[in-house]
C-alpha atoms as a PDB file:
ATOM      1  CA  MET A   1     215.502  -7.933 125.506  1.00  0.00           C
ATOM      2  CA  SER A   2     212.716  -5.520 124.625  1.00  0.00           C
ATOM      3  CA  GLU A   3     209.686  -6.373 122.539  1.00  0.00           C
ATOM      4  CA  PRO A   4     209.697  -4.677 119.125  1.00  0.00           C
ATOM      5  CA  GLN A   5     207.494  -1.722 118.269  1.00  0.00           C
ATOM      6  CA  VAL A   6     206.566  -0.633 114.754  1.00  0.00           C
ATOM      7  CA  VAL A   7     206.497   2.964 113.551  1.00  0.00           C
ATOM      8  CA  ARG A   8     205.051   3.327 110.057  1.00  0.00           C
ATOM      9  CA  HIS A   9     205.481   6.154 107.582  1.00  0.00           C
ATOM     10  CA  ALA A  10     204.135   6.801 104.115  1.00  0.00           C
ATOM     11  CA  ASP A  11     207.453   6.649 102.283  1.00  0.00           C
ATOM     12  CA  ALA A  12     211.226   6.644 102.660  1.00  0.00           C
ATOM     13  CA  GLU A  13     211.563  10.421 102.823  1.00  0.00           C
ATOM     14  CA  GLU A  14     209.049  10.730 105.646  1.00  0.00           C
ATOM     15  CA  LEU A  15     210.668   7.800 107.455  1.00  0.00           C
ATOM     16  CA  ALA A  16     214.178   9.283 107.267  1.00  0.00           C
ATOM     17  CA  GLY A  17     212.954  12.685 108.446  1.00  0.00           C
ATOM     18  CA  SER A  18     211.101  11.220 111.404  1.00  0.00           C
ATOM     19  CA  VAL A  19     214.074   9.149 112.556  1.00  0.00           C
ATOM     20  CA  ALA A  20     216.344  12.174 112.189  1.00  0.00           C
ATOM     21  CA  LEU A  21     214.046  14.385 114.235  1.00  0.00           C
ATOM     22  CA  ARG A  22     213.875  11.819 117.035  1.00  0.00           C
ATOM     23  CA  LEU A  23     217.669  11.556 117.058  1.00  0.00           C
ATOM     24  CA  VAL A  24     218.026  15.337 117.272  1.00  0.00           C
ATOM     25  CA  ASN A  25     215.713  15.402 120.270  1.00  0.00           C
ATOM     26  CA  MET A  26     217.690  12.655 122.015  1.00  0.00           C
ATOM     27  CA  ILE A  27     221.035  14.341 121.330  1.00  0.00           C
ATOM     28  CA  VAL A  28     219.723  17.619 122.734  1.00  0.00           C
ATOM     29  CA  GLN A  29     218.352  15.831 125.793  1.00  0.00           C
ATOM     30  CA  ALA A  30     221.701  14.146 126.452  1.00  0.00           C
ATOM     31  CA  GLU A  31     223.406  17.543 126.310  1.00  0.00           C
ATOM     32  CA  ALA A  32     220.927  18.919 128.849  1.00  0.00           C
ATOM     33  CA  GLU A  33     221.717  15.970 131.106  1.00  0.00           C
ATOM     34  CA  LYS A  34     225.455  16.640 130.648  1.00  0.00           C
ATOM     35  CA  ARG A  35     226.258  13.149 129.443  1.00  0.00           C
ATOM     36  CA  PRO A  36     227.778  11.670 126.280  1.00  0.00           C
ATOM     37  CA  PHE A  37     225.575  10.348 123.509  1.00  0.00           C
ATOM     38  CA  HIS A  38     226.801   7.213 121.718  1.00  0.00           C
ATOM     39  CA  LEU A  39     225.217   6.588 118.310  1.00  0.00           C
ATOM     40  CA  VAL A  40     225.901   3.571 116.096  1.00  0.00           C
ATOM     41  CA  LEU A  41     225.570   4.413 112.396  1.00  0.00           C
ATOM     42  CA  THR A  42     224.432   2.198 109.563  1.00  0.00           C
ATOM     43  CA  GLY A  43     224.812   2.253 105.787  1.00  0.00           C
ATOM     44  CA  GLY A  44     222.478   1.314 102.967  1.00  0.00           C
ATOM     45  CA  GLY A  45     220.009   3.436 101.070  1.00  0.00           C
ATOM     46  CA  ILE A  46     217.626   4.328 103.880  1.00  0.00           C
ATOM     47  CA  GLY A  47     220.464   4.490 106.413  1.00  0.00           C
ATOM     48  CA  ILE A  48     222.394   7.115 104.456  1.00  0.00           C
ATOM     49  CA  ALA A  49     219.177   8.994 103.654  1.00  0.00           C
ATOM     50  CA  THR A  50     218.533   9.137 107.399  1.00  0.00           C
ATOM     51  CA  LEU A  51     222.012  10.547 108.044  1.00  0.00           C
ATOM     52  CA  ALA A  52     221.430  13.241 105.417  1.00  0.00           C
ATOM     53  CA  ALA A  53     218.123  14.090 107.057  1.00  0.00           C
ATOM     54  CA  LEU A  54     219.880  14.201 110.433  1.00  0.00           C
ATOM     55  CA  ARG A  55     222.380  16.689 109.005  1.00  0.00           C
ATOM     56  CA  ASP A  56     219.553  18.967 107.883  1.00  0.00           C
ATOM     57  CA  ARG A  57     217.466  18.658 111.059  1.00  0.00           C
ATOM     58  CA  ALA A  58     220.530  19.234 113.230  1.00  0.00           C
ATOM     59  CA  ALA A  59     221.413  22.392 111.323  1.00  0.00           C
ATOM     60  CA  GLU A  60     217.876  23.711 111.761  1.00  0.00           C
ATOM     61  CA  SER A  61     218.082  23.048 115.510  1.00  0.00           C
ATOM     62  CA  ASN A  62     221.678  24.262 115.912  1.00  0.00           C
ATOM     63  CA  VAL A  63     222.653  20.972 117.566  1.00  0.00           C
ATOM     64  CA  ASN A  64     225.796  20.892 119.697  1.00  0.00           C
ATOM     65  CA  TRP A  65     227.795  17.794 118.709  1.00  0.00           C
ATOM     66  CA  SER A  66     230.551  18.132 121.308  1.00  0.00           C
ATOM     67  CA  HIS A  67     229.195  15.295 123.465  1.00  0.00           C
ATOM     68  CA  VAL A  68     228.364  12.889 120.625  1.00  0.00           C
ATOM     69  CA  HIS A  69     230.355   9.766 119.759  1.00  0.00           C
ATOM     70  CA  LEU A  70     229.761   8.107 116.384  1.00  0.00           C
ATOM     71  CA  TRP A  71     230.371   4.375 115.913  1.00  0.00           C
ATOM     72  CA  TRP A  72     229.599   1.900 113.129  1.00  0.00           C
ATOM     73  CA  GLY A  73     227.659  -1.335 113.222  1.00  0.00           C
ATOM     74  CA  ASP A  74     229.641  -2.829 110.369  1.00  0.00           C
ATOM     75  CA  GLU A  75     232.020  -1.930 107.598  1.00  0.00           C
ATOM     76  CA  ARG A  76     233.273  -3.256 104.300  1.00  0.00           C
ATOM     77  CA  PHE A  77     236.984  -4.088 104.623  1.00  0.00           C
ATOM     78  CA  LEU A  78     238.119  -1.809 101.820  1.00  0.00           C
ATOM     79  CA  PRO A  79     240.711   0.986 101.464  1.00  0.00           C
ATOM     80  CA  ASP A  80     240.176   4.334 103.145  1.00  0.00           C
ATOM     81  CA  LYS A  81     237.878   6.665 101.175  1.00  0.00           C
ATOM     82  CA  ASP A  82     236.555   3.812  99.044  1.00  0.00           C
ATOM     83  CA  PRO A  83     233.064   4.899  97.927  1.00  0.00           C
ATOM     84  CA  GLU A  84     231.608   1.574  99.056  1.00  0.00           C
ATOM     85  CA  ARG A  85     232.680   2.042 102.672  1.00  0.00           C
ATOM     86  CA  ASN A  86     229.912   3.013 105.084  1.00  0.00           C
ATOM     87  CA  GLU A  87     232.297   5.559 106.599  1.00  0.00           C
ATOM     88  CA  THR A  88     232.829   7.308 103.264  1.00  0.00           C
ATOM     89  CA  GLN A  89     229.102   7.560 102.627  1.00  0.00           C
ATOM     90  CA  ALA A  90     228.401   8.733 106.182  1.00  0.00           C
ATOM     91  CA  CYS A  91     231.016  11.460 105.867  1.00  0.00           C
ATOM     92  CA  GLU A  92     229.421  12.727 102.667  1.00  0.00           C
ATOM     93  CA  ALA A  93     225.894  12.603 104.106  1.00  0.00           C
ATOM     94  CA  LEU A  94     226.549  13.882 107.632  1.00  0.00           C
ATOM     95  CA  ILE A  95     229.938  13.950 109.288  1.00  0.00           C
ATOM     96  CA  ASP A  96     231.743  16.405 107.003  1.00  0.00           C
ATOM     97  CA  ALA A  97     228.963  18.943 107.643  1.00  0.00           C
ATOM     98  CA  ILE A  98     228.915  18.858 111.455  1.00  0.00           C
ATOM     99  CA  ASP A  99     231.318  19.950 114.165  1.00  0.00           C
ATOM    100  CA  VAL A 100     231.632  16.652 116.003  1.00  0.00           C
ATOM    101  CA  PRO A 101     235.137  16.376 117.543  1.00  0.00           C
ATOM    102  CA  PRO A 102     237.277  14.197 115.241  1.00  0.00           C
ATOM    103  CA  HIS A 103     238.454  11.983 118.109  1.00  0.00           C
ATOM    104  CA  GLN A 104     234.801  11.130 118.824  1.00  0.00           C
ATOM    105  CA  VAL A 105     234.269   9.685 115.350  1.00  0.00           C
ATOM    106  CA  HIS A 106     235.183   6.007 115.523  1.00  0.00           C
ATOM    107  CA  PRO A 107     235.334   4.404 112.054  1.00  0.00           C
ATOM    108  CA  MET A 108     236.200   0.753 111.656  1.00  0.00           C
ATOM    109  CA  PRO A 109     239.735   0.232 110.257  1.00  0.00           C
ATOM    110  CA  ALA A 110     240.253   0.380 106.503  1.00  0.00           C
ATOM    111  CA  SER A 111     242.130  -2.363 104.689  1.00  0.00           C
ATOM    112  CA  ASP A 112     245.017  -0.077 103.686  1.00  0.00           C
ATOM    113  CA  GLY A 113     245.538   0.902 107.310  1.00  0.00           C
ATOM    114  CA  MET A 114     246.495  -2.644 108.272  1.00  0.00           C
ATOM    115  CA  ASP A 115     249.645  -4.695 107.696  1.00  0.00           C
ATOM    116  CA  GLY A 116     248.457  -6.753 104.770  1.00  0.00           C
ATOM    117  CA  ASP A 117     244.999  -8.209 104.369  1.00  0.00           C
ATOM    118  CA  GLN A 118     244.248  -8.467 108.092  1.00  0.00           C
ATOM    119  CA  VAL A 119     240.512  -8.257 108.643  1.00  0.00           C
ATOM    120  CA  GLU A 120     240.878 -10.219 111.887  1.00  0.00           C
ATOM    121  CA  HIS A 121     243.278  -7.601 113.225  1.00  0.00           C
ATOM    122  CA  ALA A 122     240.853  -4.868 112.176  1.00  0.00           C
ATOM    123  CA  ALA A 123     238.109  -6.489 114.253  1.00  0.00           C
ATOM    124  CA  THR A 124     240.434  -6.817 117.249  1.00  0.00           C
ATOM    125  CA  ARG A 125     241.510  -3.175 116.967  1.00  0.00           C
ATOM    126  CA  TYR A 126     237.906  -1.977 116.911  1.00  0.00           C
ATOM    127  CA  ALA A 127     236.999  -4.157 119.874  1.00  0.00           C
ATOM    128  CA  ARG A 128     239.835  -2.563 121.840  1.00  0.00           C
ATOM    129  CA  GLU A 129     238.649   0.930 120.918  1.00  0.00           C
ATOM    130  CA  LEU A 130     235.159   0.076 122.123  1.00  0.00           C
ATOM    131  CA  THR A 131     236.508  -1.313 125.405  1.00  0.00           C
ATOM    132  CA  THR A 132     238.584   1.809 125.983  1.00  0.00           C
ATOM    133  CA  ALA A 133     235.524   4.003 125.450  1.00  0.00           C
ATOM    134  CA  ALA A 134     233.506   1.838 127.861  1.00  0.00           C
ATOM    135  CA  ARG A 135     235.838   2.961 130.707  1.00  0.00           C
ATOM    136  CA  GLY A 136     235.696  -0.309 132.577  1.00  0.00           C
ATOM    137  CA  GLN A 137     231.928  -0.681 132.340  1.00  0.00           C
ATOM    138  CA  GLY A 138     231.985  -3.536 129.834  1.00  0.00           C
ATOM    139  CA  PRO A 139     233.265  -4.551 126.405  1.00  0.00           C
ATOM    140  CA  VAL A 140     231.434  -1.668 124.693  1.00  0.00           C
ATOM    141  CA  PRO A 141     230.187   1.751 125.803  1.00  0.00           C
ATOM    142  CA  GLN A 142     226.497   2.203 126.529  1.00  0.00           C
ATOM    143  CA  PHE A 143     225.136   2.921 123.071  1.00  0.00           C
ATOM    144  CA  ASP A 144     222.125   5.210 123.248  1.00  0.00           C
ATOM    145  CA  VAL A 145     220.863   4.199 119.811  1.00  0.00           C
ATOM    146  CA  CYS A 146     222.071   1.525 117.414  1.00  0.00           C
ATOM    147  CA  LEU A 147     220.808   2.137 113.881  1.00  0.00           C
ATOM    148  CA  LEU A 148     220.549  -0.943 111.686  1.00  0.00           C
ATOM    149  CA  GLY A 149     219.471  -1.333 108.100  1.00  0.00           C
ATOM    150  CA  VAL A 150     217.539  -4.455 107.183  1.00  0.00           C
ATOM    151  CA  GLY A 151     218.581  -6.449 104.117  1.00  0.00           C
ATOM    152  CA  PRO A 152     216.115  -8.244 101.828  1.00  0.00           C
ATOM    153  CA  ASP A 153     217.682 -11.511 103.062  1.00  0.00           C
ATOM    154  CA  ALA A 154     216.951 -10.428 106.665  1.00  0.00           C
ATOM    155  CA  HIS A 155     220.578  -9.626 107.540  1.00  0.00           C
ATOM    156  CA  VAL A 156     221.550  -6.759 109.846  1.00  0.00           C
ATOM    157  CA  ALA A 157     225.003  -5.175 110.116  1.00  0.00           C
ATOM    158  CA  SER A 158     227.147  -7.875 108.438  1.00  0.00           C
ATOM    159  CA  LEU A 159     225.407 -10.727 110.233  1.00  0.00           C
ATOM    160  CA  PHE A 160     224.096 -12.843 107.375  1.00  0.00           C
ATOM    161  CA  PRO A 161     221.753 -15.856 107.389  1.00  0.00           C
ATOM    162  CA  GLY A 162     223.504 -19.174 107.753  1.00  0.00           C
ATOM    163  CA  LEU A 163     226.895 -17.782 108.791  1.00  0.00           C
ATOM    164  CA  SER A 164     228.458 -18.696 112.127  1.00  0.00           C
ATOM    165  CA  HIS A 165     228.837 -15.045 113.132  1.00  0.00           C
ATOM    166  CA  VAL A 166     225.163 -14.806 114.091  1.00  0.00           C
ATOM    167  CA  ARG A 167     225.888 -17.184 116.999  1.00  0.00           C
ATOM    168  CA  GLU A 168     229.018 -15.367 118.232  1.00  0.00           C
ATOM    169  CA  ASP A 169     228.520 -14.627 121.915  1.00  0.00           C
ATOM    170  CA  GLY A 170     232.062 -14.008 123.153  1.00  0.00           C
ATOM    171  CA  ALA A 171     233.556 -11.228 121.064  1.00  0.00           C
ATOM    172  CA  SER A 172     232.128  -7.718 120.756  1.00  0.00           C
ATOM    173  CA  VAL A 173     233.353  -7.413 117.152  1.00  0.00           C
ATOM    174  CA  THR A 174     234.056 -10.105 114.597  1.00  0.00           C
ATOM    175  CA  ALA A 175     235.634 -10.447 111.179  1.00  0.00           C
ATOM    176  CA  VAL A 176     233.571 -11.764 108.277  1.00  0.00           C
ATOM    177  CA  HIS A 177     235.392 -13.612 105.498  1.00  0.00           C
ATOM    178  CA  ASP A 178     232.529 -15.048 103.474  1.00  0.00           C
ATOM    179  CA  SER A 179     229.831 -12.407 103.138  1.00  0.00           C
ATOM    180  CA  PRO A 180     227.359 -13.447 100.426  1.00  0.00           C
ATOM    181  CA  LYS A 181     227.092  -9.768  99.524  1.00  0.00           C
ATOM    182  CA  PRO A 182     230.346  -8.291  98.178  1.00  0.00           C
ATOM    183  CA  PRO A 183     232.890  -7.544  99.350  1.00  0.00           C
ATOM    184  CA  PRO A 184     233.356 -10.847 101.187  1.00  0.00           C
ATOM    185  CA  GLN A 185     235.538  -9.403 103.948  1.00  0.00           C
ATOM    186  CA  ARG A 186     233.862  -7.178 106.520  1.00  0.00           C
ATOM    187  CA  VAL A 187     233.994  -6.156 110.170  1.00  0.00           C
ATOM    188  CA  THR A 188     230.811  -6.219 112.234  1.00  0.00           C
ATOM    189  CA  LEU A 189     229.465  -5.784 115.728  1.00  0.00           C
ATOM    190  CA  THR A 190     228.129  -9.017 117.171  1.00  0.00           C
ATOM    191  CA  PHE A 191     224.691  -9.476 118.676  1.00  0.00           C
ATOM    192  CA  PRO A 192     225.903  -9.049 122.277  1.00  0.00           C
ATOM    193  CA  SER A 193     227.178  -5.583 121.339  1.00  0.00           C
ATOM    194  CA  ILE A 194     224.017  -4.684 119.452  1.00  0.00           C
ATOM    195  CA  ARG A 195     221.798  -5.891 122.299  1.00  0.00           C
ATOM    196  CA  SER A 196     223.709  -3.806 124.819  1.00  0.00           C
ATOM    197  CA  ALA A 197     222.334  -0.633 123.202  1.00  0.00           C
ATOM    198  CA  ARG A 198     219.571   1.095 125.096  1.00  0.00           C
ATOM    199  CA  GLU A 199     217.577   1.343 121.884  1.00  0.00           C
ATOM    200  CA  VAL A 200     217.918  -0.582 118.628  1.00  0.00           C
ATOM    201  CA  TRP A 201     216.250   1.014 115.618  1.00  0.00           C
ATOM    202  CA  LEU A 202     215.763  -1.082 112.483  1.00  0.00           C
ATOM    203  CA  LEU A 203     215.232   0.925 109.304  1.00  0.00           C
ATOM    204  CA  ALA A 204     213.428  -0.654 106.364  1.00  0.00           C
ATOM    205  CA  SER A 205     212.111   0.944 103.193  1.00  0.00           C
ATOM    206  CA  GLY A 206     210.641  -0.652 100.098  1.00  0.00           C
ATOM    207  CA  GLU A 207     208.705  -3.760  99.188  1.00  0.00           C
ATOM    208  CA  SER A 208     211.898  -5.844  98.938  1.00  0.00           C
ATOM    209  CA  LYS A 209     212.271  -5.531 102.724  1.00  0.00           C
ATOM    210  CA  ALA A 210     208.716  -6.602 103.583  1.00  0.00           C
ATOM    211  CA  GLU A 211     209.448 -10.295 104.160  1.00  0.00           C
ATOM    212  CA  ALA A 212     212.513  -9.493 106.272  1.00  0.00           C
ATOM    213  CA  VAL A 213     210.428  -7.143 108.435  1.00  0.00           C
ATOM    214  CA  ARG A 214     207.793  -9.836 108.855  1.00  0.00           C
ATOM    215  CA  LEU A 215     210.403 -12.401 109.891  1.00  0.00           C
ATOM    216  CA  GLY A 216     212.059  -9.975 112.280  1.00  0.00           C
ATOM    217  CA  LEU A 217     208.821  -9.180 114.068  1.00  0.00           C
ATOM    218  CA  ALA A 218     207.844 -12.852 114.163  1.00  0.00           C
ATOM    219  CA  GLY A 219     211.027 -13.758 116.035  1.00  0.00           C
ATOM    220  CA  THR A 220     212.182 -16.242 113.414  1.00  0.00           C
ATOM    221  CA  ASP A 221     215.362 -18.170 114.272  1.00  0.00           C
ATOM    222  CA  VAL A 222     218.427 -15.950 113.889  1.00  0.00           C
ATOM    223  CA  ASP A 223     220.172 -18.452 111.611  1.00  0.00           C
ATOM    224  CA  ARG A 224     217.403 -17.939 109.075  1.00  0.00           C
ATOM    225  CA  ALA A 225     216.648 -14.285 109.829  1.00  0.00           C
ATOM    226  CA  PRO A 226     219.362 -12.451 111.797  1.00  0.00           C
ATOM    227  CA  VAL A 227     217.108  -9.401 112.023  1.00  0.00           C
ATOM    228  CA  SER A 228     215.079 -11.249 114.634  1.00  0.00           C
ATOM    229  CA  GLY A 229     218.080 -11.197 116.962  1.00  0.00           C
ATOM    230  CA  ALA A 230     218.451  -7.419 116.898  1.00  0.00           C
ATOM    231  CA  ARG A 231     216.836  -6.155 120.076  1.00  0.00           C
ATOM    232  CA  GLY A 232     217.616  -3.240 122.363  1.00  0.00           C
ATOM    233  CA  ALA A 233     217.998  -3.437 126.134  1.00  0.00           C
ATOM    234  CA  GLU A 234     215.202  -0.918 126.674  1.00  0.00           C
ATOM    235  CA  LYS A 235     213.511  -0.422 123.320  1.00  0.00           C
ATOM    236  CA  THR A 236     213.409  -1.959 119.841  1.00  0.00           C
ATOM    237  CA  VAL A 237     211.774  -0.008 117.042  1.00  0.00           C
ATOM    238  CA  PHE A 238     211.111  -1.054 113.456  1.00  0.00           C
ATOM    239  CA  TRP A 239     210.944   2.194 111.476  1.00  0.00           C
ATOM    240  CA  VAL A 240     209.248   1.219 108.215  1.00  0.00           C
ATOM    241  CA  ASP A 241     207.479   2.761 105.268  1.00  0.00           C
ATOM    242  CA  GLU A 242     204.212   1.387 103.981  1.00  0.00           C
ATOM    243  CA  ALA A 243     205.910  -0.767 101.340  1.00  0.00           C
ATOM    244  CA  ALA A 244     208.168  -2.442 103.900  1.00  0.00           C
ATOM    245  CA  ALA A 245     205.187  -2.917 106.216  1.00  0.00           C
ATOM    246  CA  SER A 246     203.017  -4.561 103.582  1.00  0.00           C
ATOM    247  CA  LEU A 247     203.256  -8.069 105.090  1.00  0.00           C
ATOM    248  CA  ILE A 248     202.535  -7.188 108.710  1.00  0.00           C
END
């Protein structure tokens, strides 16, 4: 796994704009190289702000989205269009405004799309979709960038401190039944899937994230600070504002 780098910005707005601009450049480069670009999206305040900034930067640059695949790192197991779903928020911030092919947008299953309350089946279905997209190259496609928000408790995706999911090393996707942050049922990528990404970008804004950033950079045990287990195959970047960087 790669050693983490830190990129600091004055505030959340500057951070989101910088991440968005870097993503635009990478998407354009992938198009020039005639290859797909697989991006894993995240939710949360700074995550959605980054997607909105990406929408604006992409429009300014007239980005071609035809080769882009959009995935999610985790999702709340709620009905389709629920305002708390990461997918719903991402659509409002970015996806509804771009011309990405619908079949290349890969949301995690909603609870009302399953037969009953079947979060385990939702995780299995998403794992199969990832494997299909990988075209025989592994359990998941080669993610170019995996965006991850950082929680004040040092969780990433829906991998929370003290839960067994942080040690999952067999499945690419897992169901969460006991999230300490509501709702309790969620679907999340596991660390093997996250670590398969070429680059993992951790986004943190605000003083409440400062201790989590410190723990993540220090390599604290993943049971205590799951953020420390989020590393990219080629690059790991902590994108932080000055408040989130105050303890490093």
